[in-house]
């Protein structure tokens, strides 16, 4: 197996034991995986916020809808934040259940505030 066989894959590891979580992180990163970690299910749910451009060539709207549907099916709440340059789509996108819509050009500080709020770090 090639060392970078899993390059480009992003995995969330949820493990309550620090040593085990670290071992899993190191093992996955060794094979090129980008790893995020959480120590509990509550922390894992809190860490998930999805931000995606809507008008990507490979359809960001479809991606966000799929993640939203999968998360709801599993009883998770993964806030989905839509990014678009089309201001006239705001009401449509919010009506579909997106947590928030950010308009381009993005203000990086505003983006971070929105992600922080939806990750429930301001509670």
PDB file of N, CA and C in Angstrom:
ATOM      1  N   UNK A   1       0.837  -1.173   0.000  1.00  0.00           N
ATOM      2  CA  UNK A   1       0.000   0.000   0.000  1.00  0.00           C
ATOM      3  C   UNK A   1       0.886   1.241   0.000  1.00  0.00           C
ATOM      4  N   UNK A   2       0.574   2.181  -0.878  1.00  0.00           N
ATOM      5  CA  UNK A   2       1.345   3.402  -0.929  1.00  0.00           C
ATOM      6  C   UNK A   2       1.048   4.270   0.285  1.00  0.00           C
ATOM      7  N   UNK A   3       2.049   4.988   0.728  1.00  0.00           N
ATOM      8  CA  UNK A   3       1.916   5.830   1.909  1.00  0.00           C
ATOM      9  C   UNK A   3       0.809   6.863   1.737  1.00  0.00           C
ATOM     10  N   UNK A   4       0.669   7.443   0.557  1.00  0.00           N
ATOM     11  CA  UNK A   4      -0.325   8.502   0.362  1.00  0.00           C
ATOM     12  C   UNK A   4      -1.582   7.993  -0.322  1.00  0.00           C
ATOM     13  N   UNK A   5      -1.915   6.756  -0.091  1.00  0.00           N
ATOM     14  CA  UNK A   5      -3.082   6.132  -0.694  1.00  0.00           C
ATOM     15  C   UNK A   5      -4.368   6.889  -0.346  1.00  0.00           C
ATOM     16  N   UNK A   6      -4.456   7.469   0.852  1.00  0.00           N
ATOM     17  CA  UNK A   6      -5.670   8.146   1.291  1.00  0.00           C
ATOM     18  C   UNK A   6      -5.561   9.671   1.237  1.00  0.00           C
ATOM     19  N   UNK A   7      -4.604  10.167   0.504  1.00  0.00           N
ATOM     20  CA  UNK A   7      -4.420  11.612   0.409  1.00  0.00           C
ATOM     21  C   UNK A   7      -5.677  12.268  -0.149  1.00  0.00           C
ATOM     22  N   UNK A   8      -6.083  13.344   0.480  1.00  0.00           N
ATOM     23  CA  UNK A   8      -7.285  14.055   0.067  1.00  0.00           C
ATOM     24  C   UNK A   8      -8.529  13.673   0.843  1.00  0.00           C
ATOM     25  N   UNK A   9      -8.451  12.607   1.638  1.00  0.00           N
ATOM     26  CA  UNK A   9      -9.588  12.182   2.456  1.00  0.00           C
ATOM     27  C   UNK A   9      -9.554  12.967   3.768  1.00  0.00           C
ATOM     28  N   UNK A  10     -10.725  13.384   4.239  1.00  0.00           N
ATOM     29  CA  UNK A  10     -10.829  14.101   5.517  1.00  0.00           C
ATOM     30  C   UNK A  10     -11.692  13.262   6.445  1.00  0.00           C
ATOM     31  N   UNK A  11     -11.155  12.900   7.605  1.00  0.00           N
ATOM     32  CA  UNK A  11     -11.839  12.023   8.550  1.00  0.00           C
ATOM     33  C   UNK A  11     -11.982  12.723   9.896  1.00  0.00           C
ATOM     34  N   UNK A  12     -13.155  12.594  10.489  1.00  0.00           N
ATOM     35  CA  UNK A  12     -13.369  13.038  11.861  1.00  0.00           C
ATOM     36  C   UNK A  12     -13.253  11.807  12.750  1.00  0.00           C
ATOM     37  N   UNK A  13     -12.292  11.809  13.670  1.00  0.00           N
ATOM     38  CA  UNK A  13     -12.098  10.708  14.626  1.00  0.00           C
ATOM     39  C   UNK A  13     -12.733  11.123  15.944  1.00  0.00           C
ATOM     40  N   UNK A  14     -13.663  10.311  16.427  1.00  0.00           N
ATOM     41  CA  UNK A  14     -14.306  10.559  17.717  1.00  0.00           C
ATOM     42  C   UNK A  14     -13.896   9.421  18.636  1.00  0.00           C
ATOM     43  N   UNK A  15     -13.122   9.745  19.658  1.00  0.00           N
ATOM     44  CA  UNK A  15     -12.579   8.750  20.598  1.00  0.00           C
ATOM     45  C   UNK A  15     -12.370   9.445  21.929  1.00  0.00           C
ATOM     46  N   UNK A  16     -12.904   8.845  23.013  1.00  0.00           N
ATOM     47  CA  UNK A  16     -12.833   9.523  24.307  1.00  0.00           C
ATOM     48  C   UNK A  16     -11.518   9.321  25.047  1.00  0.00           C
ATOM     49  N   UNK A  17     -10.693   8.378  24.617  1.00  0.00           N
ATOM     50  CA  UNK A  17      -9.398   8.143  25.249  1.00  0.00           C
ATOM     51  C   UNK A  17      -8.325   8.919  24.494  1.00  0.00           C
ATOM     52  N   UNK A  18      -7.638   9.795  25.218  1.00  0.00           N
ATOM     53  CA  UNK A  18      -6.646  10.667  24.571  1.00  0.00           C
ATOM     54  C   UNK A  18      -5.603   9.895  23.781  1.00  0.00           C
ATOM     55  N   UNK A  19      -5.016   8.855  24.388  1.00  0.00           N
ATOM     56  CA  UNK A  19      -3.963   8.090  23.706  1.00  0.00           C
ATOM     57  C   UNK A  19      -4.484   7.406  22.451  1.00  0.00           C
ATOM     58  N   UNK A  20      -5.673   6.831  22.531  1.00  0.00           N
ATOM     59  CA  UNK A  20      -6.253   6.155  21.361  1.00  0.00           C
ATOM     60  C   UNK A  20      -6.573   7.151  20.265  1.00  0.00           C
ATOM     61  N   UNK A  21      -7.120   8.290  20.653  1.00  0.00           N
ATOM     62  CA  UNK A  21      -7.445   9.325  19.675  1.00  0.00           C
ATOM     63  C   UNK A  21      -6.186   9.805  18.957  1.00  0.00           C
ATOM     64  N   UNK A  22      -5.117  10.005  19.727  1.00  0.00           N
ATOM     65  CA  UNK A  22      -3.852  10.452  19.150  1.00  0.00           C
ATOM     66  C   UNK A  22      -3.250   9.392  18.228  1.00  0.00           C
ATOM     67  N   UNK A  23      -3.322   8.122  18.636  1.00  0.00           N
ATOM     68  CA  UNK A  23      -2.793   7.030  17.810  1.00  0.00           C
ATOM     69  C   UNK A  23      -3.554   6.949  16.486  1.00  0.00           C
ATOM     70  N   UNK A  24      -4.877   7.067  16.545  1.00  0.00           N
ATOM     71  CA  UNK A  24      -5.677   7.020  15.326  1.00  0.00           C
ATOM     72  C   UNK A  24      -5.335   8.208  14.414  1.00  0.00           C
ATOM     73  N   UNK A  25      -5.186   9.384  15.019  1.00  0.00           N
ATOM     74  CA  UNK A  25      -4.833  10.567  14.240  1.00  0.00           C
ATOM     75  C   UNK A  25      -3.498  10.378  13.524  1.00  0.00           C
ATOM     76  N   UNK A  26      -2.497   9.911  14.266  1.00  0.00           N
ATOM     77  CA  UNK A  26      -1.163   9.723  13.696  1.00  0.00           C
ATOM     78  C   UNK A  26      -1.190   8.674  12.583  1.00  0.00           C
ATOM     79  N   UNK A  27      -1.886   7.566  12.829  1.00  0.00           N
ATOM     80  CA  UNK A  27      -1.944   6.496  11.826  1.00  0.00           C
ATOM     81  C   UNK A  27      -2.599   6.983  10.536  1.00  0.00           C
ATOM     82  N   UNK A  28      -3.701   7.686  10.671  1.00  0.00           N
ATOM     83  CA  UNK A  28      -4.396   8.176   9.484  1.00  0.00           C
ATOM     84  C   UNK A  28      -3.581   9.240   8.746  1.00  0.00           C
ATOM     85  N   UNK A  29      -2.991  10.145   9.507  1.00  0.00           N
ATOM     86  CA  UNK A  29      -2.170  11.185   8.872  1.00  0.00           C
ATOM     87  C   UNK A  29      -0.972  10.589   8.150  1.00  0.00           C
ATOM     88  N   UNK A  30      -0.446   9.489   8.654  1.00  0.00           N
ATOM     89  CA  UNK A  30       0.684   8.816   8.011  1.00  0.00           C
ATOM     90  C   UNK A  30       0.330   8.428   6.574  1.00  0.00           C
ATOM     91  N   UNK A  31      -0.937   8.072   6.348  1.00  0.00           N
ATOM     92  CA  UNK A  31      -1.385   7.670   5.018  1.00  0.00           C
ATOM     93  C   UNK A  31      -2.013   8.819   4.234  1.00  0.00           C
ATOM     94  N   UNK A  32      -1.775  10.053   4.678  1.00  0.00           N
ATOM     95  CA  UNK A  32      -2.195  11.210   3.917  1.00  0.00           C
ATOM     96  C   UNK A  32      -3.561  11.765   4.254  1.00  0.00           C
ATOM     97  N   UNK A  33      -4.218  11.199   5.250  1.00  0.00           N
ATOM     98  CA  UNK A  33      -5.549  11.658   5.620  1.00  0.00           C
ATOM     99  C   UNK A  33      -5.447  12.967   6.393  1.00  0.00           C
ATOM    100  N   UNK A  34      -6.322  13.880   6.110  1.00  0.00           N
ATOM    101  CA  UNK A  34      -6.467  15.093   6.912  1.00  0.00           C
ATOM    102  C   UNK A  34      -7.438  14.745   8.035  1.00  0.00           C
ATOM    103  N   UNK A  35      -7.040  14.939   9.282  1.00  0.00           N
ATOM    104  CA  UNK A  35      -7.803  14.444  10.423  1.00  0.00           C
ATOM    105  C   UNK A  35      -8.257  15.577  11.329  1.00  0.00           C
ATOM    106  N   UNK A  36      -9.527  15.512  11.712  1.00  0.00           N
ATOM    107  CA  UNK A  36     -10.072  16.332  12.783  1.00  0.00           C
ATOM    108  C   UNK A  36     -10.422  15.365  13.906  1.00  0.00           C
ATOM    109  N   UNK A  37     -10.312  15.809  15.155  1.00  0.00           N
ATOM    110  CA  UNK A  37     -10.592  14.913  16.267  1.00  0.00           C
ATOM    111  C   UNK A  37     -11.597  15.535  17.227  1.00  0.00           C
ATOM    112  N   UNK A  38     -12.300  14.651  17.924  1.00  0.00           N
ATOM    113  CA  UNK A  38     -13.230  15.058  18.977  1.00  0.00           C
ATOM    114  C   UNK A  38     -13.188  13.992  20.060  1.00  0.00           C
ATOM    115  N   UNK A  39     -13.397  14.417  21.304  1.00  0.00           N
ATOM    116  CA  UNK A  39     -13.324  13.504  22.441  1.00  0.00           C
ATOM    117  C   UNK A  39     -14.679  12.921  22.833  1.00  0.00           C
ATOM    118  N   UNK A  40     -15.751  13.367  22.188  1.00  0.00           N
ATOM    119  CA  UNK A  40     -17.082  12.852  22.515  1.00  0.00           C
ATOM    120  C   UNK A  40     -18.025  13.122  21.350  1.00  0.00           C
ATOM    121  N   UNK A  41     -19.178  12.460  21.395  1.00  0.00           N
ATOM    122  CA  UNK A  41     -20.177  12.696  20.356  1.00  0.00           C
ATOM    123  C   UNK A  41     -20.661  14.137  20.406  1.00  0.00           C
ATOM    124  N   UNK A  42     -20.847  14.661  21.623  1.00  0.00           N
ATOM    125  CA  UNK A  42     -21.287  16.047  21.755  1.00  0.00           C
ATOM    126  C   UNK A  42     -20.264  16.997  21.144  1.00  0.00           C
ATOM    127  N   UNK A  43     -18.993  16.738  21.386  1.00  0.00           N
ATOM    128  CA  UNK A  43     -17.941  17.577  20.817  1.00  0.00           C
ATOM    129  C   UNK A  43     -17.915  17.426  19.299  1.00  0.00           C
ATOM    130  N   UNK A  44     -18.115  16.210  18.808  1.00  0.00           N
ATOM    131  CA  UNK A  44     -18.109  15.982  17.363  1.00  0.00           C
ATOM    132  C   UNK A  44     -19.238  16.748  16.697  1.00  0.00           C
ATOM    133  N   UNK A  45     -20.421  16.728  17.303  1.00  0.00           N
ATOM    134  CA  UNK A  45     -21.538  17.468  16.730  1.00  0.00           C
ATOM    135  C   UNK A  45     -21.265  18.964  16.768  1.00  0.00           C
ATOM    136  N   UNK A  46     -20.640  19.416  17.817  1.00  0.00           N
ATOM    137  CA  UNK A  46     -20.346  20.838  17.968  1.00  0.00           C
ATOM    138  C   UNK A  46     -19.295  21.297  16.955  1.00  0.00           C
ATOM    139  N   UNK A  47     -18.418  20.399  16.563  1.00  0.00           N
ATOM    140  CA  UNK A  47     -17.344  20.767  15.646  1.00  0.00           C
ATOM    141  C   UNK A  47     -17.785  20.878  14.198  1.00  0.00           C
ATOM    142  N   UNK A  48     -18.906  20.290  13.884  1.00  0.00           N
ATOM    143  CA  UNK A  48     -19.297  20.229  12.477  1.00  0.00           C
ATOM    144  C   UNK A  48     -20.094  21.428  12.028  1.00  0.00           C
ATOM    145  N   UNK A  49     -19.518  22.160  11.148  1.00  0.00           N
ATOM    146  CA  UNK A  49     -20.193  23.226  10.427  1.00  0.00           C
ATOM    147  C   UNK A  49     -19.723  23.092   8.993  1.00  0.00           C
ATOM    148  N   UNK A  50     -20.654  23.042   8.073  1.00  0.00           N
ATOM    149  CA  UNK A  50     -20.272  22.922   6.680  1.00  0.00           C
ATOM    150  C   UNK A  50     -20.469  24.249   5.979  1.00  0.00           C
ATOM    151  N   UNK A  51     -19.443  24.699   5.287  1.00  0.00           N
ATOM    152  CA  UNK A  51     -19.483  25.925   4.508  1.00  0.00           C
ATOM    153  C   UNK A  51     -19.113  25.551   3.081  1.00  0.00           C
ATOM    154  N   UNK A  52     -19.987  25.890   2.133  1.00  0.00           N
ATOM    155  CA  UNK A  52     -19.692  25.536   0.746  1.00  0.00           C
ATOM    156  C   UNK A  52     -20.258  26.577  -0.203  1.00  0.00           C
ATOM    157  N   UNK A  53     -19.509  26.812  -1.250  1.00  0.00           N
ATOM    158  CA  UNK A  53     -19.988  27.641  -2.343  1.00  0.00           C
ATOM    159  C   UNK A  53     -21.163  26.922  -2.987  1.00  0.00           C
ATOM    160  N   UNK A  54     -22.181  27.652  -3.346  1.00  0.00           N
ATOM    161  CA  UNK A  54     -23.358  27.063  -3.976  1.00  0.00           C
ATOM    162  C   UNK A  54     -23.137  26.839  -5.466  1.00  0.00           C
ATOM    163  N   UNK A  55     -22.498  27.778  -6.129  1.00  0.00           N
ATOM    164  CA  UNK A  55     -22.402  27.746  -7.587  1.00  0.00           C
ATOM    165  C   UNK A  55     -21.068  27.196  -8.069  1.00  0.00           C
ATOM    166  N   UNK A  56     -20.636  26.088  -7.493  1.00  0.00           N
ATOM    167  CA  UNK A  56     -19.408  25.449  -7.977  1.00  0.00           C
ATOM    168  C   UNK A  56     -19.728  24.663  -9.240  1.00  0.00           C
ATOM    169  N   UNK A  57     -18.701  24.370  -9.988  1.00  0.00           N
ATOM    170  CA  UNK A  57     -18.883  23.615 -11.221  1.00  0.00           C
ATOM    171  C   UNK A  57     -19.511  22.243 -10.954  1.00  0.00           C
ATOM    172  N   UNK A  58     -19.138  21.620  -9.807  1.00  0.00           N
ATOM    173  CA  UNK A  58     -19.689  20.295  -9.511  1.00  0.00           C
ATOM    174  C   UNK A  58     -20.847  20.371  -8.512  1.00  0.00           C
ATOM    175  N   UNK A  59     -21.547  21.496  -8.442  1.00  0.00           N
ATOM    176  CA  UNK A  59     -22.802  21.683  -7.739  1.00  0.00           C
ATOM    177  C   UNK A  59     -22.716  21.641  -6.218  1.00  0.00           C
ATOM    178  N   UNK A  60     -22.322  22.761  -5.643  1.00  0.00           N
ATOM    179  CA  UNK A  60     -22.241  22.897  -4.196  1.00  0.00           C
ATOM    180  C   UNK A  60     -23.590  22.808  -3.522  1.00  0.00           C
ATOM    181  N   UNK A  61     -24.654  23.242  -4.195  1.00  0.00           N
ATOM    182  CA  UNK A  61     -25.995  23.151  -3.628  1.00  0.00           C
ATOM    183  C   UNK A  61     -26.368  21.690  -3.395  1.00  0.00           C
ATOM    184  N   UNK A  62     -26.094  20.829  -4.364  1.00  0.00           N
ATOM    185  CA  UNK A  62     -26.371  19.402  -4.203  1.00  0.00           C
ATOM    186  C   UNK A  62     -25.581  18.837  -3.023  1.00  0.00           C
ATOM    187  N   UNK A  63     -24.311  19.194  -2.902  1.00  0.00           N
ATOM    188  CA  UNK A  63     -23.471  18.693  -1.815  1.00  0.00           C
ATOM    189  C   UNK A  63     -24.040  19.076  -0.460  1.00  0.00           C
ATOM    190  N   UNK A  64     -24.396  20.338  -0.301  1.00  0.00           N
ATOM    191  CA  UNK A  64     -24.931  20.777   0.984  1.00  0.00           C
ATOM    192  C   UNK A  64     -26.254  20.083   1.293  1.00  0.00           C
ATOM    193  N   UNK A  65     -27.096  19.922   0.301  1.00  0.00           N
ATOM    194  CA  UNK A  65     -28.372  19.210   0.517  1.00  0.00           C
ATOM    195  C   UNK A  65     -28.122  17.771   0.967  1.00  0.00           C
ATOM    196  N   UNK A  66     -27.180  17.093   0.334  1.00  0.00           N
ATOM    197  CA  UNK A  66     -26.870  15.706   0.692  1.00  0.00           C
ATOM    198  C   UNK A  66     -26.360  15.599   2.127  1.00  0.00           C
ATOM    199  N   UNK A  67     -25.438  16.459   2.505  1.00  0.00           N
ATOM    200  CA  UNK A  67     -24.897  16.431   3.864  1.00  0.00           C
ATOM    201  C   UNK A  67     -26.001  16.731   4.868  1.00  0.00           C
ATOM    202  N   UNK A  68     -26.845  17.682   4.564  1.00  0.00           N
ATOM    203  CA  UNK A  68     -27.948  18.042   5.447  1.00  0.00           C
ATOM    204  C   UNK A  68     -28.899  16.858   5.618  1.00  0.00           C
ATOM    205  N   UNK A  69     -29.254  16.203   4.524  1.00  0.00           N
ATOM    206  CA  UNK A  69     -30.150  15.043   4.587  1.00  0.00           C
ATOM    207  C   UNK A  69     -29.518  13.903   5.368  1.00  0.00           C
ATOM    208  N   UNK A  70     -28.249  13.603   5.097  1.00  0.00           N
ATOM    209  CA  UNK A  70     -27.563  12.516   5.813  1.00  0.00           C
ATOM    210  C   UNK A  70     -27.465  12.818   7.295  1.00  0.00           C
ATOM    211  N   UNK A  71     -27.156  14.047   7.653  1.00  0.00           N
ATOM    212  CA  UNK A  71     -27.006  14.382   9.066  1.00  0.00           C
ATOM    213  C   UNK A  71     -28.344  14.289   9.786  1.00  0.00           C
ATOM    214  N   UNK A  72     -29.430  14.736   9.159  1.00  0.00           N
ATOM    215  CA  UNK A  72     -30.745  14.655   9.778  1.00  0.00           C
ATOM    216  C   UNK A  72     -31.196  13.213   9.918  1.00  0.00           C
ATOM    217  N   UNK A  73     -30.889  12.368   8.939  1.00  0.00           N
ATOM    218  CA  UNK A  73     -31.246  10.954   8.995  1.00  0.00           C
ATOM    219  C   UNK A  73     -30.585  10.270  10.182  1.00  0.00           C
ATOM    220  N   UNK A  74     -29.372  10.680  10.510  1.00  0.00           N
ATOM    221  CA  UNK A  74     -28.637  10.085  11.623  1.00  0.00           C
ATOM    222  C   UNK A  74     -28.869  10.821  12.939  1.00  0.00           C
ATOM    223  N   UNK A  75     -29.770  11.792  12.940  1.00  0.00           N
ATOM    224  CA  UNK A  75     -30.086  12.520  14.156  1.00  0.00           C
ATOM    225  C   UNK A  75     -29.047  13.553  14.559  1.00  0.00           C
ATOM    226  N   UNK A  76     -28.209  13.942  13.634  1.00  0.00           N
ATOM    227  CA  UNK A  76     -27.201  14.960  13.903  1.00  0.00           C
ATOM    228  C   UNK A  76     -27.680  16.293  13.359  1.00  0.00           C
ATOM    229  N   UNK A  77     -27.130  17.336  13.882  1.00  0.00           N
ATOM    230  CA  UNK A  77     -27.415  18.665  13.331  1.00  0.00           C
ATOM    231  C   UNK A  77     -26.098  19.257  12.877  1.00  0.00           C
ATOM    232  N   UNK A  78     -25.883  19.225  11.584  1.00  0.00           N
ATOM    233  CA  UNK A  78     -24.688  19.823  11.004  1.00  0.00           C
ATOM    234  C   UNK A  78     -25.143  21.096  10.301  1.00  0.00           C
ATOM    235  N   UNK A  79     -24.894  22.245  10.901  1.00  0.00           N
ATOM    236  CA  UNK A  79     -25.309  23.486  10.252  1.00  0.00           C
ATOM    237  C   UNK A  79     -24.660  23.625   8.882  1.00  0.00           C
ATOM    238  N   UNK A  80     -25.456  23.996   7.918  1.00  0.00           N
ATOM    239  CA  UNK A  80     -24.952  24.181   6.564  1.00  0.00           C
ATOM    240  C   UNK A  80     -25.021  25.663   6.227  1.00  0.00           C
ATOM    241  N   UNK A  81     -23.896  26.199   5.821  1.00  0.00           N
ATOM    242  CA  UNK A  81     -23.786  27.609   5.492  1.00  0.00           C
ATOM    243  C   UNK A  81     -23.500  27.727   4.000  1.00  0.00           C
ATOM    244  N   UNK A  82     -24.403  28.381   3.304  1.00  0.00           N
ATOM    245  CA  UNK A  82     -24.268  28.539   1.863  1.00  0.00           C
ATOM    246  C   UNK A  82     -23.494  29.816   1.553  1.00  0.00           C
ATOM    247  N   UNK A  83     -22.640  29.731   0.542  1.00  0.00           N
ATOM    248  CA  UNK A  83     -21.892  30.897   0.071  1.00  0.00           C
ATOM    249  C   UNK A  83     -22.268  31.117  -1.394  1.00  0.00           C
ATOM    250  N   UNK A  84     -22.611  32.341  -1.717  1.00  0.00           N
ATOM    251  CA  UNK A  84     -22.991  32.628  -3.095  1.00  0.00           C
ATOM    252  C   UNK A  84     -22.743  34.088  -3.441  1.00  0.00           C
ATOM    253  N   UNK A  85     -22.569  34.327  -4.708  1.00  0.00           N
ATOM    254  CA  UNK A  85     -22.456  35.697  -5.207  1.00  0.00           C
ATOM    255  C   UNK A  85     -23.814  36.197  -5.687  1.00  0.00           C
ATOM    256  N   UNK A  86     -24.816  35.325  -5.678  1.00  0.00           N
ATOM    257  CA  UNK A  86     -26.140  35.661  -6.192  1.00  0.00           C
ATOM    258  C   UNK A  86     -27.066  36.076  -5.050  1.00  0.00           C
ATOM    259  N   UNK A  87     -27.130  37.357  -4.792  1.00  0.00           N
ATOM    260  CA  UNK A  87     -27.930  37.880  -3.676  1.00  0.00           C
ATOM    261  C   UNK A  87     -29.414  37.559  -3.831  1.00  0.00           C
ATOM    262  N   UNK A  88     -29.879  37.435  -5.059  1.00  0.00           N
ATOM    263  CA  UNK A  88     -31.298  37.195  -5.299  1.00  0.00           C
ATOM    264  C   UNK A  88     -31.743  35.785  -4.885  1.00  0.00           C
ATOM    265  N   UNK A  89     -30.811  34.903  -4.538  1.00  0.00           N
ATOM    266  CA  UNK A  89     -31.161  33.530  -4.123  1.00  0.00           C
ATOM    267  C   UNK A  89     -31.273  33.393  -2.608  1.00  0.00           C
ATOM    268  N   UNK A  90     -31.055  34.465  -1.872  1.00  0.00           N
ATOM    269  CA  UNK A  90     -31.035  34.423  -0.405  1.00  0.00           C
ATOM    270  C   UNK A  90     -32.282  33.759   0.187  1.00  0.00           C
ATOM    271  N   UNK A  91     -33.451  34.247  -0.154  1.00  0.00           N
ATOM    272  CA  UNK A  91     -34.692  33.710   0.422  1.00  0.00           C
ATOM    273  C   UNK A  91     -34.897  32.242   0.055  1.00  0.00           C
ATOM    274  N   UNK A  92     -34.597  31.886  -1.181  1.00  0.00           N
ATOM    275  CA  UNK A  92     -34.744  30.501  -1.635  1.00  0.00           C
ATOM    276  C   UNK A  92     -33.853  29.567  -0.819  1.00  0.00           C
ATOM    277  N   UNK A  93     -32.595  29.956  -0.640  1.00  0.00           N
ATOM    278  CA  UNK A  93     -31.642  29.106   0.070  1.00  0.00           C
ATOM    279  C   UNK A  93     -31.995  28.987   1.548  1.00  0.00           C
ATOM    280  N   UNK A  94     -32.392  30.075   2.170  1.00  0.00           N
ATOM    281  CA  UNK A  94     -32.783  30.014   3.575  1.00  0.00           C
ATOM    282  C   UNK A  94     -34.057  29.196   3.741  1.00  0.00           C
ATOM    283  N   UNK A  95     -34.969  29.281   2.786  1.00  0.00           N
ATOM    284  CA  UNK A  95     -36.207  28.489   2.838  1.00  0.00           C
ATOM    285  C   UNK A  95     -35.920  26.991   2.743  1.00  0.00           C
ATOM    286  N   UNK A  96     -34.815  26.631   2.097  1.00  0.00           N
ATOM    287  CA  UNK A  96     -34.444  25.221   1.997  1.00  0.00           C
ATOM    288  C   UNK A  96     -33.857  24.683   3.291  1.00  0.00           C
ATOM    289  N   UNK A  97     -33.635  25.556   4.267  1.00  0.00           N
ATOM    290  CA  UNK A  97     -33.174  25.095   5.565  1.00  0.00           C
ATOM    291  C   UNK A  97     -31.710  25.338   5.861  1.00  0.00           C
ATOM    292  N   UNK A  98     -31.051  26.119   5.025  1.00  0.00           N
ATOM    293  CA  UNK A  98     -29.665  26.437   5.326  1.00  0.00           C
ATOM    294  C   UNK A  98     -29.611  27.332   6.554  1.00  0.00           C
ATOM    295  N   UNK A  99     -28.637  27.105   7.383  1.00  0.00           N
ATOM    296  CA  UNK A  99     -28.518  27.866   8.626  1.00  0.00           C
ATOM    297  C   UNK A  99     -28.257  29.337   8.342  1.00  0.00           C
ATOM    298  N   UNK A 100     -27.518  29.593   7.297  1.00  0.00           N
ATOM    299  CA  UNK A 100     -27.158  30.977   6.995  1.00  0.00           C
ATOM    300  C   UNK A 100     -26.643  31.051   5.567  1.00  0.00           C
ATOM    301  N   UNK A 101     -26.699  32.235   5.012  1.00  0.00           N
ATOM    302  CA  UNK A 101     -26.171  32.479   3.680  1.00  0.00           C
ATOM    303  C   UNK A 101     -25.176  33.615   3.779  1.00  0.00           C
ATOM    304  N   UNK A 102     -23.992  33.396   3.245  1.00  0.00           N
ATOM    305  CA  UNK A 102     -22.967  34.434   3.189  1.00  0.00           C
ATOM    306  C   UNK A 102     -22.780  34.836   1.734  1.00  0.00           C
ATOM    307  N   UNK A 103     -22.695  36.124   1.517  1.00  0.00           N
ATOM    308  CA  UNK A 103     -22.548  36.629   0.159  1.00  0.00           C
ATOM    309  C   UNK A 103     -21.098  36.939  -0.150  1.00  0.00           C
ATOM    310  N   UNK A 104     -20.717  36.676  -1.387  1.00  0.00           N
ATOM    311  CA  UNK A 104     -19.387  37.039  -1.866  1.00  0.00           C
ATOM    312  C   UNK A 104     -19.390  38.499  -2.264  1.00  0.00           C
ATOM    313  N   UNK A 105     -18.293  39.188  -2.136  1.00  0.00           N
ATOM    314  CA  UNK A 105     -17.023  38.703  -1.603  1.00  0.00           C
ATOM    315  C   UNK A 105     -17.112  38.546  -0.082  1.00  0.00           C
ATOM    316  N   UNK A 106     -16.478  37.491   0.413  1.00  0.00           N
ATOM    317  CA  UNK A 106     -16.540  37.165   1.836  1.00  0.00           C
ATOM    318  C   UNK A 106     -15.600  38.028   2.656  1.00  0.00           C
ATOM    319  N   UNK A 107     -16.085  38.432   3.799  1.00  0.00           N
ATOM    320  CA  UNK A 107     -15.260  39.083   4.808  1.00  0.00           C
ATOM    321  C   UNK A 107     -14.768  37.959   5.721  1.00  0.00           C
ATOM    322  N   UNK A 108     -13.465  37.675   5.763  1.00  0.00           N
ATOM    323  CA  UNK A 108     -12.960  36.546   6.559  1.00  0.00           C
ATOM    324  C   UNK A 108     -13.346  36.613   8.033  1.00  0.00           C
ATOM    325  N   UNK A 109     -13.392  37.792   8.594  1.00  0.00           N
ATOM    326  CA  UNK A 109     -13.757  37.914  10.005  1.00  0.00           C
ATOM    327  C   UNK A 109     -15.234  37.584  10.194  1.00  0.00           C
ATOM    328  N   UNK A 110     -16.079  38.054   9.295  1.00  0.00           N
ATOM    329  CA  UNK A 110     -17.504  37.728   9.360  1.00  0.00           C
ATOM    330  C   UNK A 110     -17.723  36.224   9.193  1.00  0.00           C
ATOM    331  N   UNK A 111     -16.980  35.604   8.273  1.00  0.00           N
ATOM    332  CA  UNK A 111     -17.079  34.165   8.078  1.00  0.00           C
ATOM    333  C   UNK A 111     -16.741  33.431   9.367  1.00  0.00           C
ATOM    334  N   UNK A 112     -15.668  33.819  10.005  1.00  0.00           N
ATOM    335  CA  UNK A 112     -15.263  33.163  11.259  1.00  0.00           C
ATOM    336  C   UNK A 112     -16.307  33.346  12.355  1.00  0.00           C
ATOM    337  N   UNK A 113     -16.925  34.520  12.408  1.00  0.00           N
ATOM    338  CA  UNK A 113     -17.985  34.747  13.402  1.00  0.00           C
ATOM    339  C   UNK A 113     -19.173  33.826  13.163  1.00  0.00           C
ATOM    340  N   UNK A 114     -19.560  33.667  11.905  1.00  0.00           N
ATOM    341  CA  UNK A 114     -20.692  32.802  11.567  1.00  0.00           C
ATOM    342  C   UNK A 114     -20.371  31.348  11.905  1.00  0.00           C
ATOM    343  N   UNK A 115     -19.189  30.890  11.529  1.00  0.00           N
ATOM    344  CA  UNK A 115     -18.796  29.510  11.839  1.00  0.00           C
ATOM    345  C   UNK A 115     -18.780  29.303  13.349  1.00  0.00           C
ATOM    346  N   UNK A 116     -18.219  30.245  14.072  1.00  0.00           N
ATOM    347  CA  UNK A 116     -18.159  30.140  15.538  1.00  0.00           C
ATOM    348  C   UNK A 116     -19.559  30.040  16.131  1.00  0.00           C
ATOM    349  N   UNK A 117     -20.464  30.882  15.666  1.00  0.00           N
ATOM    350  CA  UNK A 117     -21.836  30.866  16.185  1.00  0.00           C
ATOM    351  C   UNK A 117     -22.512  29.523  15.918  1.00  0.00           C
ATOM    352  N   UNK A 118     -22.352  29.003  14.716  1.00  0.00           N
ATOM    353  CA  UNK A 118     -23.024  27.753  14.360  1.00  0.00           C
ATOM    354  C   UNK A 118     -22.325  26.527  14.960  1.00  0.00           C
ATOM    355  N   UNK A 119     -21.080  26.697  15.365  1.00  0.00           N
ATOM    356  CA  UNK A 119     -20.381  25.615  16.075  1.00  0.00           C
ATOM    357  C   UNK A 119     -20.702  25.663  17.557  1.00  0.00           C
ATOM    358  N   UNK A 120     -21.565  26.583  17.945  1.00  0.00           N
ATOM    359  CA  UNK A 120     -22.035  26.737  19.320  1.00  0.00           C
ATOM    360  C   UNK A 120     -20.920  27.064  20.283  1.00  0.00           C
ATOM    361  N   UNK A 121     -19.976  27.865  19.843  1.00  0.00           N
ATOM    362  CA  UNK A 121     -18.870  28.260  20.707  1.00  0.00           C
ATOM    363  C   UNK A 121     -19.188  29.543  21.468  1.00  0.00           C
ATOM    364  N   UNK A 122     -20.273  30.194  21.120  1.00  0.00           N
ATOM    365  CA  UNK A 122     -20.652  31.427  21.794  1.00  0.00           C
ATOM    366  C   UNK A 122     -21.740  31.224  22.844  1.00  0.00           C
ATOM    367  N   UNK A 123     -22.005  29.980  23.211  1.00  0.00           N
ATOM    368  CA  UNK A 123     -23.058  29.713  24.186  1.00  0.00           C
ATOM    369  C   UNK A 123     -22.513  29.635  25.573  1.00  0.00           C
TER     370      UNK A 123
END
